[in-house]
Amino acid sequence: MPSVSFPRPLSPPERAALRDLIERAGVPERDVLLAQVDAAEALSGCACPCPTISLRVDPTAAEPVEYTAKPIATADYDDGAVMVWVEDGWLSHLELTWYVADPPPSAFPPPTSMSNHRVG
């Protein structure tokens, strides 16, 4: 996997995964979280070669939600799940888990590959 500098803007697949999870899982304060997606950047990557990222939201460009839940939204894809996390009212992580692939996937699945969207 190539070296990536952080912080950096969200990639189109990361942004699409975040928006899809928030829109389709039915999370509370959906519109506030979608505004956070627009104000978010990738702060750091996972230590393993998976595409999981930590997020930072510009607090001058968005508002926090009134809750903390870990994770707030989950969806399945063929080989695992994708989760969105919130800490202290702000989007904090976009996580990919995998069950069978070795090596791990190098990118988030497209929204068309995700199903069973749910809160938590």
Foldseek 3Di string as FASTA:
>chain_A
DDDDDPFDADDPQRLQVQLLLLVPAPFPPSVQQNQQSVQKTFGDADPAQEGKTFIDGDCVRGPFDPDFDVWFKWWAFDFFIWTWGDDPRHTTIIDTDGHDDVPYDNGDDGSVRTDPMHTD
